[in-house]
Protein backbone atom coordinates (compact mmCIF):
# COMPACT_ATOMS: atom_id res chain seq x y z
CA MET A 1 -4.48 9.84 16.42
CA ILE A 2 -1.35 7.11 16.38
CA ALA A 3 -2.53 6.01 13.22
CA ASN A 4 -2.83 9.47 11.88
CA ILE A 5 0.59 10.25 13.19
CA ALA A 6 1.68 7.31 11.32
CA ALA A 7 0.73 7.67 8.05
CA TRP A 8 1.18 11.51 8.34
CA ILE A 9 5.51 10.43 9.13
CA PHE A 10 5.19 7.93 6.02
CA THR A 11 3.93 10.36 3.89
CA LEU A 12 5.97 12.58 4.17
CA PHE A 13 9.24 10.85 4.77
CA VAL A 14 8.38 8.05 1.83
CA ILE A 15 5.79 9.19 -0.34
CA ASP A 16 6.22 12.80 -0.67
CA PRO A 17 10.34 12.12 -1.77
CA LEU A 18 9.33 9.04 -4.09
CA HIS A 19 6.86 10.68 -5.76
CA ALA A 20 8.95 14.20 -6.29
CA GLU A 21 12.22 11.29 -7.15
CA MET A 22 9.64 10.13 -9.82
CA ARG A 23 8.58 13.08 -11.57
CA GLN A 24 12.61 14.92 -11.91
CA HIS A 25 13.18 11.04 -13.37
CA LEU A 26 9.85 11.81 -15.75
CA ASP A 27 10.21 14.96 -16.85
CA ARG A 28 14.20 15.04 -17.24
CA ALA A 29 13.83 11.14 -19.43
CA ASN A 30 12.30 11.32 -22.64
CA LEU A 31 9.92 8.71 -21.57
CA PRO A 32 7.15 7.42 -23.85
CA VAL A 33 3.33 8.87 -22.57
CA GLU A 34 2.60 5.38 -21.98
CA LEU A 35 5.16 4.71 -19.47
CA VAL A 36 4.46 7.96 -17.94
CA GLN A 37 0.84 7.35 -18.12
CA GLN A 38 1.37 3.49 -16.69
CA SER A 39 3.32 5.68 -14.11
CA ARG A 40 1.30 8.18 -12.80
CA GLN A 41 -2.48 5.76 -12.89
CA CYS A 42 0.39 2.84 -10.33
CA LEU A 43 1.05 6.19 -8.40
CA THR A 44 -2.72 7.00 -8.19
CA ASN A 45 -3.86 3.56 -7.35
CA GLU A 46 -1.16 2.76 -4.85
CA VAL A 47 -0.47 5.86 -3.02
CA PRO A 48 -3.78 6.31 -0.59
CA ARG A 49 -3.58 3.17 -0.46
CA LEU A 50 0.33 2.86 1.02
CA ILE A 51 -1.50 5.63 2.79
CA ASP A 52 -4.02 3.88 4.20
CA LYS A 53 -2.07 0.68 5.61
CA ALA A 54 0.11 2.89 7.35
CA GLY A 55 -2.42 4.15 9.20
CA ASN A 56 -4.05 1.12 10.05
CA GLU A 57 -0.32 -0.35 10.77
CA PRO A 58 1.90 2.08 12.68
CA GLY A 59 4.74 -0.45 12.81
CA TRP A 60 4.84 -1.73 8.81
CA ALA A 61 5.04 2.23 8.22
CA ALA A 62 7.58 2.82 11.01
CA ALA A 63 10.12 -0.13 9.71
CA MET A 64 9.33 0.68 5.96
CA THR A 65 9.93 4.28 6.90
CA VAL A 66 13.43 3.66 8.82
CA GLY A 67 13.64 0.90 5.96
CA ILE A 68 13.83 3.05 2.82
CA SER A 69 15.49 5.98 4.82
CA ILE A 70 18.55 4.32 5.32
CA GLY A 71 18.39 2.16 1.23
CA TRP A 72 17.84 -1.36 3.45
CA ILE A 73 14.66 -1.52 1.77
CA SER A 74 13.77 -0.27 -2.17
CA PRO A 75 10.98 1.99 -2.61
CA GLU A 76 9.81 -0.16 -5.43
CA GLN A 77 8.70 -3.22 -2.72
CA LEU A 78 5.90 -0.31 -2.43
CA PHE A 79 3.94 -1.09 -5.42
CA ASP A 80 2.59 -3.92 -6.56
CA GLY A 81 4.82 -6.66 -8.59
CA ALA A 82 1.46 -7.82 -10.69
CA ASP A 83 -0.46 -4.32 -11.58
CA PRO A 84 1.11 -3.65 -15.53
CA SER A 85 0.68 0.01 -14.39
CA CYS A 86 3.06 -0.61 -11.32
CA GLY A 87 5.59 -2.63 -13.39
CA ALA A 88 7.20 0.87 -15.05
CA LEU A 89 7.26 2.42 -11.83
CA ARG A 90 9.15 -0.18 -10.60
CA GLY A 91 11.04 -0.36 -13.48
CA LEU A 92 12.06 3.52 -13.01
CA ILE A 93 12.84 3.25 -9.31
CA ASN A 94 15.07 0.36 -10.00
CA PRO A 95 15.98 -0.08 -13.62
CA GLN A 96 17.59 -3.83 -12.80
CA THR A 97 14.50 -4.91 -12.30
CA ALA A 98 13.07 -3.93 -15.36
CA ARG A 99 16.10 -5.17 -17.30
CA GLU A 100 15.25 -8.90 -15.27
CA ALA A 101 11.89 -8.25 -16.06
CA GLU A 102 12.51 -8.22 -20.31
CA GLY A 103 15.35 -10.84 -19.87
């Protein structure tokens, strides 16, 4: 029961707003098709994993929800930095990350 509530709150306050923000970035910018596909692939792979983790670790879910909501934690930290498809998404969330990776 608590696991379901934690996953629901995490989805409501972290995943849904992040997904809406990413869709807005992707729709607004003239991004290469490859970048859009990589970002969508990352979301497809990572969102179920994050929701599972939120359900299994309610403390982590609460800390991430509060941290992201008040700006202490960047949402880019949710996504696997080693996954090449998530590199594009992380760059959209935080353009400085993309610049550091290029340099």
